[in-house]
Amino acid sequence: MSTEKKITEEQLKSLQEKNAAVQQLKVYIGDVEGQKHILLHNLVTAQDELQKTLKSLEEEYGKVSINIQDGSYSEVTEEEA
């Protein structure tokens, strides 16, 4: 008949707590990665919208450099382009 060997209750409790902490961190990382995916998708969408707006402004004003702070613009010469 074999005798079952066990670690101490204190060691078991410590091991279980550390394992639970690791598992919880993995869950948090999964959540953050999900949020990152959503944010990256939103970034691509925002960049597409910006490009559409810039194209629309270029169609209306031609090739110009627009000051994003006050809306003023100046024509872009071929050398600057």
C-alpha atoms as a PDB file:
ATOM      1  CA  MET A   1       0.000   0.000   0.000  1.00  0.00           C
ATOM      2  CA  SER A   2       1.539   3.296  -1.069  1.00  0.00           C
ATOM      3  CA  THR A   3       1.435   6.307   1.144  1.00  0.00           C
ATOM      4  CA  GLU A   4       0.279   9.490  -0.565  1.00  0.00           C
ATOM      5  CA  LYS A   5       2.825  12.254  -0.272  1.00  0.00           C
ATOM      6  CA  LYS A   6       1.642  15.862  -0.012  1.00  0.00           C
ATOM      7  CA  ILE A   7       3.135  19.300   0.317  1.00  0.00           C
ATOM      8  CA  THR A   8       2.183  21.263   3.393  1.00  0.00           C
ATOM      9  CA  GLU A   9      -1.135  23.117   3.559  1.00  0.00           C
ATOM     10  CA  GLU A  10       0.763  26.416   3.652  1.00  0.00           C
ATOM     11  CA  GLN A  11       2.722  25.498   0.525  1.00  0.00           C
ATOM     12  CA  LEU A  12      -0.466  24.363  -1.229  1.00  0.00           C
ATOM     13  CA  LYS A  13      -2.262  27.594  -0.353  1.00  0.00           C
ATOM     14  CA  SER A  14       0.686  29.650  -1.604  1.00  0.00           C
ATOM     15  CA  LEU A  15       0.824  27.635  -4.831  1.00  0.00           C
ATOM     16  CA  GLN A  16      -2.923  28.017  -5.411  1.00  0.00           C
ATOM     17  CA  GLU A  17      -2.818  31.785  -4.802  1.00  0.00           C
ATOM     18  CA  LYS A  18       0.075  32.281  -7.209  1.00  0.00           C
ATOM     19  CA  ASN A  19      -1.605  30.116  -9.839  1.00  0.00           C
ATOM     20  CA  ALA A  20      -4.853  32.090  -9.465  1.00  0.00           C
ATOM     21  CA  ALA A  21      -2.913  35.355  -9.876  1.00  0.00           C
ATOM     22  CA  VAL A  22      -1.310  34.085 -13.088  1.00  0.00           C
ATOM     23  CA  GLN A  23      -4.683  32.957 -14.438  1.00  0.00           C
ATOM     24  CA  GLN A  24      -6.277  36.336 -13.615  1.00  0.00           C
ATOM     25  CA  LEU A  25      -3.454  38.181 -15.356  1.00  0.00           C
ATOM     26  CA  LYS A  26      -3.998  36.037 -18.447  1.00  0.00           C
ATOM     27  CA  VAL A  27      -7.670  37.043 -18.419  1.00  0.00           C
ATOM     28  CA  TYR A  28      -6.711  40.720 -18.097  1.00  0.00           C
ATOM     29  CA  ILE A  29      -4.243  40.393 -20.977  1.00  0.00           C
ATOM     30  CA  GLY A  30      -6.978  38.852 -23.118  1.00  0.00           C
ATOM     31  CA  ASP A  31      -9.280  41.760 -22.304  1.00  0.00           C
ATOM     32  CA  VAL A  32      -6.595  44.307 -23.136  1.00  0.00           C
ATOM     33  CA  GLU A  33      -5.794  42.569 -26.426  1.00  0.00           C
ATOM     34  CA  GLY A  34      -9.486  42.674 -27.319  1.00  0.00           C
ATOM     35  CA  GLN A  35      -9.595  46.395 -26.551  1.00  0.00           C
ATOM     36  CA  LYS A  36      -6.393  46.879 -28.578  1.00  0.00           C
ATOM     37  CA  HIS A  37      -8.013  45.179 -31.576  1.00  0.00           C
ATOM     38  CA  ILE A  38     -11.043  47.463 -31.342  1.00  0.00           C
ATOM     39  CA  LEU A  39      -8.846  50.560 -30.991  1.00  0.00           C
ATOM     40  CA  LEU A  40      -6.724  49.566 -33.988  1.00  0.00           C
ATOM     41  CA  HIS A  41      -9.873  49.087 -36.052  1.00  0.00           C
ATOM     42  CA  ASN A  42     -11.144  52.503 -34.929  1.00  0.00           C
ATOM     43  CA  LEU A  43      -7.777  54.044 -35.829  1.00  0.00           C
ATOM     44  CA  VAL A  44      -7.935  52.664 -39.372  1.00  0.00           C
ATOM     45  CA  THR A  45     -11.487  53.984 -39.732  1.00  0.00           C
ATOM     46  CA  ALA A  46     -10.469  57.437 -38.450  1.00  0.00           C
ATOM     47  CA  GLN A  47      -7.477  57.529 -40.814  1.00  0.00           C
ATOM     48  CA  ASP A  48      -9.742  56.611 -43.750  1.00  0.00           C
ATOM     49  CA  GLU A  49     -12.137  59.409 -42.806  1.00  0.00           C
ATOM     50  CA  LEU A  50      -9.231  61.863 -42.555  1.00  0.00           C
ATOM     51  CA  GLN A  51      -8.006  60.873 -46.024  1.00  0.00           C
ATOM     52  CA  LYS A  52     -11.513  61.325 -47.462  1.00  0.00           C
ATOM     53  CA  THR A  53     -11.728  64.795 -45.924  1.00  0.00           C
ATOM     54  CA  LEU A  54      -8.279  65.741 -47.226  1.00  0.00           C
ATOM     55  CA  LYS A  55      -9.204  64.523 -50.715  1.00  0.00           C
ATOM     56  CA  SER A  56     -12.421  66.537 -50.614  1.00  0.00           C
ATOM     57  CA  LEU A  57     -10.500  69.652 -49.554  1.00  0.00           C
ATOM     58  CA  GLU A  58      -7.940  69.075 -52.306  1.00  0.00           C
ATOM     59  CA  GLU A  59     -10.738  68.809 -54.880  1.00  0.00           C
ATOM     60  CA  GLU A  60     -12.148  72.120 -53.661  1.00  0.00           C
ATOM     61  CA  TYR A  61      -8.939  74.099 -53.014  1.00  0.00           C
ATOM     62  CA  GLY A  62      -6.300  72.283 -55.051  1.00  0.00           C
ATOM     63  CA  LYS A  63      -2.973  71.240 -53.602  1.00  0.00           C
ATOM     64  CA  VAL A  64      -2.687  73.286 -50.439  1.00  0.00           C
ATOM     65  CA  SER A  65      -1.012  73.062 -47.068  1.00  0.00           C
ATOM     66  CA  ILE A  66      -3.627  73.606 -44.363  1.00  0.00           C
ATOM     67  CA  ASN A  67      -2.823  74.901 -40.884  1.00  0.00           C
ATOM     68  CA  ILE A  68      -4.769  72.507 -38.682  1.00  0.00           C
ATOM     69  CA  GLN A  69      -4.884  75.083 -35.855  1.00  0.00           C
ATOM     70  CA  ASP A  70      -6.598  78.002 -37.585  1.00  0.00           C
ATOM     71  CA  GLY A  71      -7.724  76.683 -40.989  1.00  0.00           C
ATOM     72  CA  SER A  72      -5.513  78.982 -43.020  1.00  0.00           C
ATOM     73  CA  TYR A  73      -3.906  77.482 -46.095  1.00  0.00           C
ATOM     74  CA  SER A  74      -1.265  78.192 -48.671  1.00  0.00           C
ATOM     75  CA  GLU A  75      -0.761  76.758 -52.109  1.00  0.00           C
ATOM     76  CA  VAL A  76       1.784  74.011 -52.452  1.00  0.00           C
ATOM     77  CA  THR A  77       4.298  74.538 -55.225  1.00  0.00           C
ATOM     78  CA  GLU A  78       5.707  71.658 -57.252  1.00  0.00           C
ATOM     79  CA  GLU A  79       9.017  71.924 -55.354  1.00  0.00           C
ATOM     80  CA  GLU A  80       7.243  71.437 -51.992  1.00  0.00           C
ATOM     81  CA  ALA A  81       5.195  68.523 -53.268  1.00  0.00           C
END
